[in-house]
Amino acid sequence: MIRAVVFDVGECLVDETREYGTWADWLGVPRHTFAAMFGAVIAQGRDYRDVFQEFQPGFDLHAERERRAAAGQPEHFGEDDLYPEVRDALHALRADGLWLGIAGNQTVRAGRILRELFTKDVDLIGTSDDWGASKPDPAFFHRVADVVPAEPGEILYVGDRVDNDIAPARKAGMLTALVRRGPWATILWRTEAAEKLPTFRVESLAELSPLIANFNEQGR
């Protein structure tokens, strides 16, 4: 039985197109060039932070985030950056009686924004900065298991990345759903890991409610 659903943030709930565009602007790089390099780095299996190094060797992401904030250009996302079905999907899952959470690799600043957007829709919001552990570190998923009122095998973790979301959540004993959007899922959708590791593969979060209902019915 699936009793709880926990969502990643970027490219799961939040469309990061605008945010990465502002990083290209900050670096003084054409947005299409930045996006092309981003895709190349992912296809090569490298850390996405290498993208910044390609344009500015020695780039310190944490320090640059603070510089942006000091310059009045902090990282930001809002209601308009949510994928269009997010609200309805959360409402449907809540109506199904499922416990809902949000947990991702996010800054303290992003955590505040998430709480402004979703406090009324979910039972818990946790970030890597809150917990002192980042995906794919097993400690992050152990923390998820600690705060969710269900056994690991009753938790469905939903994300867009096999390496950061699906594989480590599965190793922690959770069920998983891979959503096909954003650069990681789009580029790696047809890889063996993306096809075999997730419990569910979905094009939209709207698919989760009926899939979970069917899964739970079969498990009765």
N, C-alpha and C. Protein backbone atom coordinates (compact mmCIF):
# COMPACT_ATOMS: atom_id res chain seq x y z
N MET A 1 0.84 -1.20 0.00
CA MET A 1 0.00 0.00 0.00
C MET A 1 0.88 1.26 0.00
N ILE A 2 0.50 2.21 -0.83
CA ILE A 2 1.14 3.51 -0.81
C ILE A 2 0.31 4.40 0.10
N ARG A 3 0.93 4.92 1.16
CA ARG A 3 0.22 5.76 2.12
C ARG A 3 0.70 7.21 2.09
N ALA A 4 1.87 7.43 1.48
CA ALA A 4 2.45 8.77 1.46
C ALA A 4 3.13 9.02 0.12
N VAL A 5 3.06 10.25 -0.34
CA VAL A 5 3.73 10.65 -1.58
C VAL A 5 4.58 11.87 -1.27
N VAL A 6 5.87 11.79 -1.63
CA VAL A 6 6.81 12.88 -1.39
C VAL A 6 7.38 13.33 -2.72
N PHE A 7 7.36 14.63 -2.94
CA PHE A 7 7.77 15.20 -4.23
C PHE A 7 9.11 15.91 -4.16
N ASP A 8 9.93 15.68 -5.18
CA ASP A 8 11.07 16.53 -5.46
C ASP A 8 10.53 17.90 -5.87
N VAL A 9 11.41 18.89 -6.04
CA VAL A 9 10.97 20.25 -6.34
C VAL A 9 11.23 20.62 -7.80
N GLY A 10 12.52 20.84 -8.14
CA GLY A 10 12.86 21.29 -9.48
C GLY A 10 12.54 20.28 -10.55
N GLU A 11 11.82 20.71 -11.58
CA GLU A 11 11.40 19.90 -12.71
C GLU A 11 10.46 18.76 -12.31
N CYS A 12 9.93 18.85 -11.10
CA CYS A 12 8.86 17.95 -10.67
C CYS A 12 7.64 18.80 -10.39
N LEU A 13 7.77 19.71 -9.44
CA LEU A 13 6.72 20.69 -9.17
C LEU A 13 6.97 22.01 -9.89
N VAL A 14 8.24 22.40 -9.94
CA VAL A 14 8.62 23.72 -10.45
C VAL A 14 9.35 23.61 -11.78
N ASP A 15 8.87 24.34 -12.77
CA ASP A 15 9.53 24.46 -14.06
C ASP A 15 10.68 25.46 -13.89
N GLU A 16 11.92 25.00 -14.06
CA GLU A 16 13.09 25.83 -13.78
C GLU A 16 13.60 26.59 -15.01
N THR A 17 12.81 26.63 -16.07
CA THR A 17 13.25 27.30 -17.29
C THR A 17 13.64 28.74 -17.03
N ARG A 18 12.79 29.48 -16.35
CA ARG A 18 13.08 30.89 -16.11
C ARG A 18 14.30 31.05 -15.22
N GLU A 19 14.41 30.19 -14.20
CA GLU A 19 15.52 30.32 -13.27
C GLU A 19 16.87 30.08 -13.94
N TYR A 20 16.96 29.03 -14.76
CA TYR A 20 18.22 28.79 -15.45
C TYR A 20 18.49 29.88 -16.48
N GLY A 21 17.44 30.46 -17.02
CA GLY A 21 17.62 31.59 -17.92
C GLY A 21 18.26 32.77 -17.21
N THR A 22 17.86 33.02 -15.97
CA THR A 22 18.46 34.13 -15.23
C THR A 22 19.91 33.85 -14.87
N TRP A 23 20.26 32.56 -14.72
CA TRP A 23 21.67 32.23 -14.49
C TRP A 23 22.48 32.51 -15.75
N ALA A 24 21.93 32.19 -16.91
CA ALA A 24 22.62 32.51 -18.15
C ALA A 24 22.84 34.02 -18.25
N ASP A 25 21.81 34.79 -17.91
CA ASP A 25 21.94 36.24 -17.93
C ASP A 25 23.02 36.71 -16.96
N TRP A 26 23.05 36.13 -15.79
CA TRP A 26 24.04 36.51 -14.77
C TRP A 26 25.46 36.25 -15.26
N LEU A 27 25.62 35.15 -15.98
CA LEU A 27 26.94 34.80 -16.52
C LEU A 27 27.27 35.57 -17.80
N GLY A 28 26.27 36.25 -18.37
CA GLY A 28 26.50 36.96 -19.63
C GLY A 28 26.61 36.03 -20.82
N VAL A 29 25.86 34.90 -20.74
CA VAL A 29 25.89 33.88 -21.79
C VAL A 29 24.52 33.84 -22.47
N PRO A 30 24.46 33.73 -23.80
CA PRO A 30 23.15 33.58 -24.45
C PRO A 30 22.40 32.39 -23.86
N ARG A 31 21.10 32.58 -23.65
CA ARG A 31 20.32 31.53 -23.00
C ARG A 31 20.33 30.21 -23.76
N HIS A 32 20.27 30.26 -25.09
CA HIS A 32 20.26 29.01 -25.86
C HIS A 32 21.61 28.31 -25.75
N THR A 33 22.69 29.07 -25.62
CA THR A 33 24.02 28.47 -25.46
C THR A 33 24.13 27.79 -24.10
N PHE A 34 23.65 28.47 -23.06
CA PHE A 34 23.66 27.90 -21.72
C PHE A 34 22.84 26.61 -21.69
N ALA A 35 21.66 26.63 -22.32
CA ALA A 35 20.79 25.45 -22.34
C ALA A 35 21.44 24.30 -23.09
N ALA A 36 22.12 24.61 -24.19
CA ALA A 36 22.80 23.56 -24.96
C ALA A 36 23.91 22.91 -24.15
N MET A 37 24.68 23.72 -23.44
CA MET A 37 25.75 23.18 -22.60
C MET A 37 25.17 22.37 -21.45
N PHE A 38 24.06 22.82 -20.90
CA PHE A 38 23.38 22.10 -19.82
C PHE A 38 23.02 20.69 -20.29
N GLY A 39 22.41 20.60 -21.47
CA GLY A 39 22.03 19.30 -22.01
C GLY A 39 23.23 18.42 -22.27
N ALA A 40 24.31 19.01 -22.79
CA ALA A 40 25.52 18.23 -23.08
C ALA A 40 26.12 17.66 -21.81
N VAL A 41 26.16 18.45 -20.75
CA VAL A 41 26.72 17.99 -19.48
C VAL A 41 25.89 16.83 -18.91
N ILE A 42 24.58 16.93 -18.99
CA ILE A 42 23.72 15.85 -18.50
C ILE A 42 23.91 14.59 -19.33
N ALA A 43 23.95 14.73 -20.65
CA ALA A 43 24.13 13.58 -21.53
C ALA A 43 25.45 12.88 -21.28
N GLN A 44 26.46 13.63 -20.83
CA GLN A 44 27.77 13.06 -20.53
C GLN A 44 27.84 12.46 -19.13
N GLY A 45 26.76 12.56 -18.38
CA GLY A 45 26.73 11.98 -17.05
C GLY A 45 27.46 12.79 -16.00
N ARG A 46 27.67 14.06 -16.27
CA ARG A 46 28.41 14.92 -15.36
C ARG A 46 27.46 15.67 -14.41
N ASP A 47 28.02 16.26 -13.37
CA ASP A 47 27.26 17.07 -12.43
C ASP A 47 26.82 18.35 -13.13
N TYR A 48 25.56 18.74 -12.93
CA TYR A 48 25.04 19.93 -13.62
C TYR A 48 25.83 21.19 -13.29
N ARG A 49 26.49 21.21 -12.12
CA ARG A 49 27.27 22.38 -11.74
C ARG A 49 28.48 22.58 -12.62
N ASP A 50 28.85 21.53 -13.37
CA ASP A 50 29.94 21.68 -14.32
C ASP A 50 29.59 22.67 -15.42
N VAL A 51 28.30 22.88 -15.66
CA VAL A 51 27.87 23.84 -16.68
C VAL A 51 28.45 25.22 -16.37
N PHE A 52 28.36 25.62 -15.12
CA PHE A 52 28.85 26.93 -14.73
C PHE A 52 30.37 27.01 -14.89
N GLN A 53 31.05 25.90 -14.60
CA GLN A 53 32.50 25.88 -14.74
C GLN A 53 32.93 26.05 -16.20
N GLU A 54 32.11 25.54 -17.10
CA GLU A 54 32.45 25.65 -18.52
C GLU A 54 32.50 27.11 -18.96
N PHE A 55 31.67 27.93 -18.37
CA PHE A 55 31.61 29.35 -18.76
C PHE A 55 32.45 30.24 -17.85
N GLN A 56 32.65 29.78 -16.59
CA GLN A 56 33.40 30.59 -15.65
C GLN A 56 34.17 29.66 -14.71
N PRO A 57 35.38 29.22 -15.10
CA PRO A 57 36.16 28.32 -14.25
C PRO A 57 36.32 28.88 -12.84
N GLY A 58 36.15 27.98 -11.86
CA GLY A 58 36.25 28.40 -10.48
C GLY A 58 34.96 28.95 -9.91
N PHE A 59 33.89 28.85 -10.69
CA PHE A 59 32.57 29.36 -10.28
C PHE A 59 32.14 28.70 -8.98
N ASP A 60 31.75 29.51 -8.00
CA ASP A 60 31.26 29.03 -6.70
C ASP A 60 29.77 29.31 -6.63
N LEU A 61 28.95 28.28 -6.77
CA LEU A 61 27.51 28.45 -6.87
C LEU A 61 26.94 29.11 -5.62
N HIS A 62 27.39 28.68 -4.46
CA HIS A 62 26.88 29.27 -3.21
C HIS A 62 27.22 30.75 -3.13
N ALA A 63 28.46 31.08 -3.43
CA ALA A 63 28.88 32.48 -3.36
C ALA A 63 28.13 33.34 -4.38
N GLU A 64 27.93 32.78 -5.57
CA GLU A 64 27.23 33.55 -6.61
C GLU A 64 25.76 33.74 -6.28
N ARG A 65 25.16 32.76 -5.59
CA ARG A 65 23.79 32.95 -5.13
C ARG A 65 23.71 34.15 -4.19
N GLU A 66 24.69 34.26 -3.30
CA GLU A 66 24.69 35.38 -2.37
C GLU A 66 24.96 36.70 -3.08
N ARG A 67 25.82 36.67 -4.08
CA ARG A 67 26.07 37.88 -4.86
C ARG A 67 24.81 38.33 -5.60
N ARG A 68 24.09 37.37 -6.15
CA ARG A 68 22.83 37.71 -6.83
C ARG A 68 21.84 38.33 -5.86
N ALA A 69 21.73 37.75 -4.68
CA ALA A 69 20.80 38.28 -3.69
C ALA A 69 21.19 39.70 -3.30
N ALA A 70 22.50 39.91 -3.08
CA ALA A 70 22.96 41.25 -2.71
C ALA A 70 22.72 42.26 -3.81
N ALA A 71 22.70 41.79 -5.06
CA ALA A 71 22.48 42.67 -6.20
C ALA A 71 21.00 42.85 -6.51
N GLY A 72 20.14 42.29 -5.66
CA GLY A 72 18.71 42.42 -5.87
C GLY A 72 18.16 41.48 -6.92
N GLN A 73 18.92 40.40 -7.23
CA GLN A 73 18.50 39.43 -8.22
C GLN A 73 18.55 38.01 -7.63
N PRO A 74 17.89 37.78 -6.51
CA PRO A 74 17.96 36.45 -5.89
C PRO A 74 17.26 35.40 -6.74
N GLU A 75 17.66 34.16 -6.53
CA GLU A 75 16.93 33.07 -7.17
C GLU A 75 15.48 33.14 -6.71
N HIS A 76 14.57 32.91 -7.63
CA HIS A 76 13.16 33.04 -7.28
C HIS A 76 12.30 32.16 -8.17
N PHE A 77 11.23 31.65 -7.60
CA PHE A 77 10.18 31.00 -8.38
C PHE A 77 8.87 31.28 -7.68
N GLY A 78 7.78 31.18 -8.43
CA GLY A 78 6.48 31.49 -7.86
C GLY A 78 5.39 30.67 -8.51
N GLU A 79 4.17 31.07 -8.29
CA GLU A 79 3.02 30.33 -8.80
C GLU A 79 3.09 30.11 -10.31
N ASP A 80 3.55 31.13 -11.03
CA ASP A 80 3.61 31.03 -12.49
C ASP A 80 4.66 30.02 -12.97
N ASP A 81 5.56 29.60 -12.09
CA ASP A 81 6.60 28.64 -12.47
C ASP A 81 6.21 27.20 -12.16
N LEU A 82 5.08 27.00 -11.52
CA LEU A 82 4.62 25.63 -11.25
C LEU A 82 4.13 24.99 -12.54
N TYR A 83 4.38 23.69 -12.69
CA TYR A 83 3.82 22.98 -13.83
C TYR A 83 2.29 23.03 -13.72
N PRO A 84 1.59 23.10 -14.85
CA PRO A 84 0.15 23.46 -14.82
C PRO A 84 -0.74 22.51 -14.04
N GLU A 85 -0.38 21.24 -13.93
CA GLU A 85 -1.28 20.30 -13.26
C GLU A 85 -0.95 20.11 -11.78
N VAL A 86 0.06 20.81 -11.27
CA VAL A 86 0.54 20.56 -9.91
C VAL A 86 -0.56 20.72 -8.87
N ARG A 87 -1.26 21.84 -8.88
CA ARG A 87 -2.29 22.09 -7.86
C ARG A 87 -3.38 21.02 -7.89
N ASP A 88 -3.89 20.72 -9.07
CA ASP A 88 -4.96 19.73 -9.18
C ASP A 88 -4.47 18.35 -8.75
N ALA A 89 -3.24 18.02 -9.09
CA ALA A 89 -2.69 16.72 -8.71
C ALA A 89 -2.58 16.59 -7.19
N LEU A 90 -2.09 17.64 -6.54
CA LEU A 90 -1.99 17.61 -5.08
C LEU A 90 -3.36 17.49 -4.44
N HIS A 91 -4.32 18.23 -4.97
CA HIS A 91 -5.68 18.16 -4.41
C HIS A 91 -6.28 16.76 -4.57
N ALA A 92 -6.03 16.14 -5.72
CA ALA A 92 -6.56 14.80 -5.95
C ALA A 92 -5.94 13.79 -5.00
N LEU A 93 -4.65 13.88 -4.80
CA LEU A 93 -3.96 12.95 -3.91
C LEU A 93 -4.40 13.15 -2.45
N ARG A 94 -4.59 14.40 -2.08
CA ARG A 94 -5.08 14.69 -0.73
C ARG A 94 -6.49 14.12 -0.55
N ALA A 95 -7.33 14.27 -1.57
CA ALA A 95 -8.69 13.73 -1.51
C ALA A 95 -8.69 12.22 -1.41
N ASP A 96 -7.63 11.59 -1.93
CA ASP A 96 -7.49 10.14 -1.85
C ASP A 96 -7.06 9.68 -0.45
N GLY A 97 -6.79 10.63 0.44
CA GLY A 97 -6.41 10.28 1.80
C GLY A 97 -4.93 10.03 2.00
N LEU A 98 -4.10 10.46 1.04
CA LEU A 98 -2.66 10.23 1.13
C LEU A 98 -1.97 11.36 1.89
N TRP A 99 -0.94 10.98 2.65
CA TRP A 99 -0.08 11.97 3.31
C TRP A 99 0.86 12.53 2.24
N LEU A 100 1.06 13.85 2.22
CA LEU A 100 1.86 14.47 1.17
C LEU A 100 3.02 15.26 1.74
N GLY A 101 4.16 15.17 1.06
CA GLY A 101 5.33 15.92 1.47
C GLY A 101 6.10 16.44 0.27
N ILE A 102 6.94 17.44 0.52
CA ILE A 102 7.87 17.97 -0.47
C ILE A 102 9.25 17.93 0.14
N ALA A 103 10.22 17.35 -0.56
CA ALA A 103 11.58 17.25 -0.04
C ALA A 103 12.56 17.24 -1.20
N GLY A 104 13.42 18.24 -1.26
CA GLY A 104 14.38 18.32 -2.37
C GLY A 104 15.64 19.05 -1.98
N ASN A 105 16.57 19.09 -2.91
CA ASN A 105 17.81 19.83 -2.71
C ASN A 105 17.54 21.31 -2.96
N GLN A 106 17.30 22.03 -1.90
CA GLN A 106 16.94 23.44 -2.02
C GLN A 106 17.60 24.25 -0.91
N THR A 107 17.78 25.53 -1.20
CA THR A 107 18.36 26.45 -0.23
C THR A 107 17.33 26.85 0.82
N VAL A 108 17.81 27.52 1.87
CA VAL A 108 16.92 28.05 2.89
C VAL A 108 15.95 29.04 2.25
N ARG A 109 16.45 29.88 1.33
CA ARG A 109 15.60 30.86 0.66
C ARG A 109 14.49 30.16 -0.14
N ALA A 110 14.86 29.11 -0.86
CA ALA A 110 13.86 28.36 -1.62
C ALA A 110 12.87 27.68 -0.69
N GLY A 111 13.35 27.22 0.45
CA GLY A 111 12.45 26.60 1.41
C GLY A 111 11.37 27.55 1.88
N ARG A 112 11.73 28.81 2.08
CA ARG A 112 10.73 29.80 2.48
C ARG A 112 9.68 30.00 1.38
N ILE A 113 10.14 30.03 0.13
CA ILE A 113 9.20 30.18 -0.99
C ILE A 113 8.27 28.98 -1.07
N LEU A 114 8.83 27.78 -0.90
CA LEU A 114 8.01 26.57 -0.95
C LEU A 114 6.92 26.60 0.12
N ARG A 115 7.27 27.08 1.31
CA ARG A 115 6.28 27.13 2.38
C ARG A 115 5.19 28.15 2.09
N GLU A 116 5.55 29.24 1.43
CA GLU A 116 4.55 30.22 1.04
C GLU A 116 3.58 29.63 0.01
N LEU A 117 4.11 28.79 -0.88
CA LEU A 117 3.31 28.24 -1.97
C LEU A 117 2.49 27.03 -1.56
N PHE A 118 3.03 26.19 -0.66
CA PHE A 118 2.45 24.85 -0.49
C PHE A 118 2.04 24.46 0.92
N THR A 119 2.21 25.33 1.90
CA THR A 119 1.91 24.93 3.28
C THR A 119 0.49 24.38 3.44
N LYS A 120 -0.47 24.94 2.69
CA LYS A 120 -1.86 24.48 2.81
C LYS A 120 -2.14 23.20 2.04
N ASP A 121 -1.19 22.80 1.20
CA ASP A 121 -1.45 21.66 0.30
C ASP A 121 -0.77 20.37 0.74
N VAL A 122 0.27 20.46 1.57
CA VAL A 122 1.04 19.27 1.95
C VAL A 122 1.24 19.24 3.46
N ASP A 123 1.68 18.09 3.94
CA ASP A 123 1.87 17.90 5.37
C ASP A 123 3.26 18.27 5.86
N LEU A 124 4.23 18.27 4.96
CA LEU A 124 5.60 18.57 5.36
C LEU A 124 6.38 19.14 4.19
N ILE A 125 7.25 20.10 4.46
CA ILE A 125 8.19 20.61 3.47
C ILE A 125 9.57 20.58 4.09
N GLY A 126 10.50 19.86 3.45
CA GLY A 126 11.86 19.77 3.94
C GLY A 126 12.85 20.02 2.83
N THR A 127 13.97 20.65 3.15
CA THR A 127 15.00 20.91 2.14
C THR A 127 16.35 20.39 2.62
N SER A 128 17.25 20.24 1.67
CA SER A 128 18.60 19.78 2.01
C SER A 128 19.29 20.73 2.98
N ASP A 129 19.06 22.04 2.83
CA ASP A 129 19.66 22.99 3.77
C ASP A 129 19.05 22.85 5.16
N ASP A 130 17.77 22.53 5.23
CA ASP A 130 17.13 22.30 6.53
C ASP A 130 17.76 21.09 7.22
N TRP A 131 18.01 20.06 6.46
CA TRP A 131 18.39 18.78 7.02
C TRP A 131 19.90 18.53 7.07
N GLY A 132 20.67 19.35 6.38
CA GLY A 132 22.12 19.13 6.36
C GLY A 132 22.52 17.90 5.59
N ALA A 133 21.70 17.49 4.63
CA ALA A 133 22.01 16.33 3.78
C ALA A 133 21.36 16.56 2.43
N SER A 134 22.11 16.27 1.35
CA SER A 134 21.63 16.50 0.00
C SER A 134 21.52 15.20 -0.77
N LYS A 135 20.52 15.12 -1.64
CA LYS A 135 20.43 13.98 -2.55
C LYS A 135 21.66 13.97 -3.45
N PRO A 136 22.17 12.80 -3.79
CA PRO A 136 21.64 11.46 -3.51
C PRO A 136 22.16 10.80 -2.24
N ASP A 137 22.70 11.56 -1.31
CA ASP A 137 23.20 11.01 -0.05
C ASP A 137 22.10 10.19 0.63
N PRO A 138 22.42 8.95 1.04
CA PRO A 138 21.41 8.14 1.73
C PRO A 138 20.84 8.84 2.96
N ALA A 139 21.63 9.72 3.58
CA ALA A 139 21.16 10.41 4.78
C ALA A 139 19.92 11.25 4.48
N PHE A 140 19.83 11.79 3.28
CA PHE A 140 18.65 12.58 2.90
C PHE A 140 17.41 11.70 2.92
N PHE A 141 17.50 10.53 2.33
CA PHE A 141 16.33 9.65 2.25
C PHE A 141 16.03 9.00 3.60
N HIS A 142 17.04 8.81 4.42
CA HIS A 142 16.78 8.34 5.78
C HIS A 142 15.99 9.38 6.55
N ARG A 143 16.29 10.66 6.28
CA ARG A 143 15.55 11.73 6.95
C ARG A 143 14.10 11.75 6.46
N VAL A 144 13.92 11.55 5.16
CA VAL A 144 12.56 11.46 4.63
C VAL A 144 11.80 10.35 5.34
N ALA A 145 12.44 9.19 5.45
CA ALA A 145 11.78 8.05 6.10
C ALA A 145 11.46 8.35 7.56
N ASP A 146 12.32 9.13 8.22
CA ASP A 146 12.10 9.46 9.63
C ASP A 146 10.89 10.39 9.83
N VAL A 147 10.68 11.32 8.89
CA VAL A 147 9.64 12.33 9.11
C VAL A 147 8.28 11.94 8.52
N VAL A 148 8.26 10.96 7.64
CA VAL A 148 7.00 10.54 7.04
C VAL A 148 6.36 9.46 7.92
N PRO A 149 5.09 9.60 8.26
CA PRO A 149 4.42 8.62 9.13
C PRO A 149 3.98 7.38 8.37
N ALA A 150 4.94 6.72 7.75
CA ALA A 150 4.68 5.48 7.01
C ALA A 150 5.98 4.72 6.91
N GLU A 151 5.89 3.44 6.63
CA GLU A 151 7.10 2.65 6.42
C GLU A 151 7.71 3.03 5.07
N PRO A 152 9.04 2.86 4.90
CA PRO A 152 9.66 3.21 3.61
C PRO A 152 8.96 2.59 2.41
N GLY A 153 8.53 1.35 2.53
CA GLY A 153 7.85 0.67 1.44
C GLY A 153 6.46 1.18 1.16
N GLU A 154 5.97 2.10 1.99
CA GLU A 154 4.65 2.71 1.79
C GLU A 154 4.77 4.14 1.29
N ILE A 155 6.02 4.58 1.02
CA ILE A 155 6.29 5.95 0.56
C ILE A 155 6.59 5.92 -0.93
N LEU A 156 5.95 6.79 -1.69
CA LEU A 156 6.25 6.97 -3.11
C LEU A 156 7.01 8.28 -3.25
N TYR A 157 8.27 8.19 -3.71
CA TYR A 157 9.05 9.41 -3.94
C TYR A 157 8.99 9.73 -5.43
N VAL A 158 8.64 10.97 -5.74
CA VAL A 158 8.42 11.39 -7.12
C VAL A 158 9.50 12.39 -7.53
N GLY A 159 10.19 12.12 -8.64
CA GLY A 159 11.22 13.03 -9.10
C GLY A 159 11.49 12.90 -10.58
N ASP A 160 12.39 13.74 -11.07
CA ASP A 160 12.72 13.77 -12.50
C ASP A 160 14.08 13.19 -12.81
N ARG A 161 14.83 12.80 -11.79
CA ARG A 161 16.19 12.30 -12.02
C ARG A 161 16.35 10.88 -11.49
N VAL A 162 16.92 10.02 -12.32
CA VAL A 162 17.20 8.66 -11.87
C VAL A 162 18.31 8.68 -10.83
N ASP A 163 19.38 9.45 -11.08
CA ASP A 163 20.55 9.42 -10.20
C ASP A 163 20.28 10.06 -8.84
N ASN A 164 19.57 11.16 -8.81
CA ASN A 164 19.34 11.88 -7.56
C ASN A 164 18.07 11.47 -6.83
N ASP A 165 17.09 10.97 -7.57
CA ASP A 165 15.77 10.69 -7.00
C ASP A 165 15.44 9.20 -6.96
N ILE A 166 15.36 8.60 -8.13
CA ILE A 166 14.81 7.24 -8.23
C ILE A 166 15.74 6.20 -7.62
N ALA A 167 17.00 6.19 -8.02
CA ALA A 167 17.93 5.16 -7.52
C ALA A 167 18.14 5.23 -6.00
N PRO A 168 18.44 6.39 -5.43
CA PRO A 168 18.65 6.42 -3.99
C PRO A 168 17.38 6.21 -3.18
N ALA A 169 16.23 6.67 -3.68
CA ALA A 169 14.97 6.42 -2.96
C ALA A 169 14.66 4.93 -2.95
N ARG A 170 14.90 4.29 -4.09
CA ARG A 170 14.66 2.85 -4.16
C ARG A 170 15.61 2.11 -3.21
N LYS A 171 16.86 2.54 -3.15
CA LYS A 171 17.82 1.90 -2.25
C LYS A 171 17.39 2.06 -0.80
N ALA A 172 16.68 3.16 -0.51
CA ALA A 172 16.18 3.39 0.85
C ALA A 172 14.90 2.60 1.12
N GLY A 173 14.45 1.82 0.13
CA GLY A 173 13.29 0.97 0.33
C GLY A 173 11.97 1.57 -0.09
N MET A 174 12.02 2.72 -0.77
CA MET A 174 10.80 3.41 -1.17
C MET A 174 10.37 3.00 -2.56
N LEU A 175 9.11 3.24 -2.86
CA LEU A 175 8.61 3.14 -4.21
C LEU A 175 8.90 4.48 -4.90
N THR A 176 8.90 4.48 -6.24
CA THR A 176 9.30 5.70 -6.93
C THR A 176 8.47 5.95 -8.19
N ALA A 177 8.40 7.23 -8.56
CA ALA A 177 7.76 7.63 -9.82
C ALA A 177 8.68 8.61 -10.52
N LEU A 178 9.00 8.33 -11.77
CA LEU A 178 9.83 9.20 -12.59
C LEU A 178 8.92 9.99 -13.52
N VAL A 179 8.99 11.32 -13.44
CA VAL A 179 8.16 12.17 -14.28
C VAL A 179 9.00 12.69 -15.44
N ARG A 180 8.45 12.58 -16.63
CA ARG A 180 9.20 12.91 -17.84
C ARG A 180 9.07 14.40 -18.18
N ARG A 181 9.93 15.18 -17.62
CA ARG A 181 10.05 16.59 -17.99
C ARG A 181 11.35 17.14 -17.42
N GLY A 182 11.75 18.30 -17.93
CA GLY A 182 13.04 18.83 -17.55
C GLY A 182 14.15 18.13 -18.30
N PRO A 183 15.35 18.67 -18.25
CA PRO A 183 16.45 18.11 -19.05
C PRO A 183 16.85 16.69 -18.68
N TRP A 184 16.90 16.36 -17.39
CA TRP A 184 17.38 15.03 -17.01
C TRP A 184 16.46 13.93 -17.52
N ALA A 185 15.19 14.01 -17.18
CA ALA A 185 14.26 12.96 -17.58
C ALA A 185 14.09 12.90 -19.09
N THR A 186 14.10 14.05 -19.75
CA THR A 186 13.92 14.07 -21.19
C THR A 186 15.11 13.41 -21.90
N ILE A 187 16.31 13.74 -21.48
CA ILE A 187 17.51 13.21 -22.13
C ILE A 187 17.71 11.73 -21.83
N LEU A 188 17.39 11.31 -20.61
CA LEU A 188 17.73 9.96 -20.17
C LEU A 188 16.52 9.02 -20.10
N TRP A 189 15.38 9.45 -20.65
CA TRP A 189 14.13 8.69 -20.52
C TRP A 189 14.23 7.26 -21.02
N ARG A 190 14.98 7.05 -22.08
CA ARG A 190 15.04 5.72 -22.69
C ARG A 190 16.26 4.90 -22.25
N THR A 191 16.94 5.35 -21.22
CA THR A 191 18.05 4.56 -20.70
C THR A 191 17.50 3.37 -19.91
N GLU A 192 18.31 2.35 -19.74
CA GLU A 192 17.87 1.15 -19.04
C GLU A 192 17.43 1.47 -17.61
N ALA A 193 18.19 2.31 -16.93
CA ALA A 193 17.85 2.63 -15.54
C ALA A 193 16.51 3.35 -15.46
N ALA A 194 16.28 4.29 -16.37
CA ALA A 194 15.02 5.05 -16.35
C ALA A 194 13.82 4.17 -16.67
N GLU A 195 14.05 3.12 -17.44
CA GLU A 195 12.95 2.23 -17.80
C GLU A 195 12.68 1.17 -16.74
N LYS A 196 13.71 0.73 -16.02
CA LYS A 196 13.56 -0.41 -15.12
C LYS A 196 13.43 -0.07 -13.64
N LEU A 197 14.03 1.04 -13.21
CA LEU A 197 14.07 1.31 -11.78
C LEU A 197 12.77 1.87 -11.19
N PRO A 198 12.08 2.79 -11.85
CA PRO A 198 10.89 3.39 -11.21
C PRO A 198 9.72 2.41 -11.09
N THR A 199 8.95 2.60 -10.05
CA THR A 199 7.69 1.87 -9.91
C THR A 199 6.71 2.33 -10.98
N PHE A 200 6.66 3.66 -11.18
CA PHE A 200 5.81 4.27 -12.21
C PHE A 200 6.65 5.22 -13.06
N ARG A 201 6.27 5.33 -14.32
CA ARG A 201 6.83 6.33 -15.23
C ARG A 201 5.67 7.15 -15.75
N VAL A 202 5.71 8.46 -15.54
CA VAL A 202 4.56 9.29 -15.87
C VAL A 202 4.98 10.50 -16.68
N GLU A 203 4.04 10.99 -17.48
CA GLU A 203 4.26 12.21 -18.25
C GLU A 203 3.73 13.43 -17.49
N SER A 204 2.88 13.19 -16.51
CA SER A 204 2.25 14.27 -15.76
C SER A 204 1.93 13.78 -14.36
N LEU A 205 1.96 14.67 -13.39
CA LEU A 205 1.61 14.30 -12.02
C LEU A 205 0.13 13.95 -11.90
N ALA A 206 -0.67 14.35 -12.87
CA ALA A 206 -2.09 14.02 -12.86
C ALA A 206 -2.32 12.51 -12.98
N GLU A 207 -1.33 11.78 -13.47
CA GLU A 207 -1.46 10.33 -13.62
C GLU A 207 -1.33 9.60 -12.29
N LEU A 208 -0.79 10.25 -11.27
CA LEU A 208 -0.46 9.55 -10.04
C LEU A 208 -1.67 9.04 -9.28
N SER A 209 -2.72 9.84 -9.15
CA SER A 209 -3.87 9.43 -8.36
C SER A 209 -4.47 8.11 -8.84
N PRO A 210 -4.80 7.95 -10.12
CA PRO A 210 -5.34 6.66 -10.55
C PRO A 210 -4.32 5.53 -10.49
N LEU A 211 -3.05 5.82 -10.76
CA LEU A 211 -2.04 4.78 -10.68
C LEU A 211 -1.90 4.25 -9.25
N ILE A 212 -1.88 5.16 -8.29
CA ILE A 212 -1.76 4.75 -6.89
C ILE A 212 -3.00 3.99 -6.44
N ALA A 213 -4.16 4.48 -6.86
CA ALA A 213 -5.40 3.78 -6.48
C ALA A 213 -5.40 2.34 -7.01
N ASN A 214 -4.97 2.17 -8.24
CA ASN A 214 -4.91 0.83 -8.84
C ASN A 214 -3.87 -0.04 -8.12
N PHE A 215 -2.71 0.56 -7.82
CA PHE A 215 -1.64 -0.17 -7.12
C PHE A 215 -2.15 -0.65 -5.76
N ASN A 216 -2.81 0.24 -5.02
CA ASN A 216 -3.29 -0.11 -3.69
C ASN A 216 -4.42 -1.14 -3.75
N GLU A 217 -5.24 -1.05 -4.76
CA GLU A 217 -6.32 -2.02 -4.91
C GLU A 217 -5.76 -3.42 -5.17
N GLN A 218 -4.72 -3.48 -5.98
CA GLN A 218 -4.11 -4.78 -6.27
C GLN A 218 -3.40 -5.37 -5.05
N GLY A 219 -2.99 -4.47 -4.13
CA GLY A 219 -2.29 -4.93 -2.95
C GLY A 219 -3.19 -5.34 -1.78
N ARG A 220 -4.49 -5.13 -1.94
CA ARG A 220 -5.44 -5.49 -0.87
C ARG A 220 -5.60 -7.01 -0.74
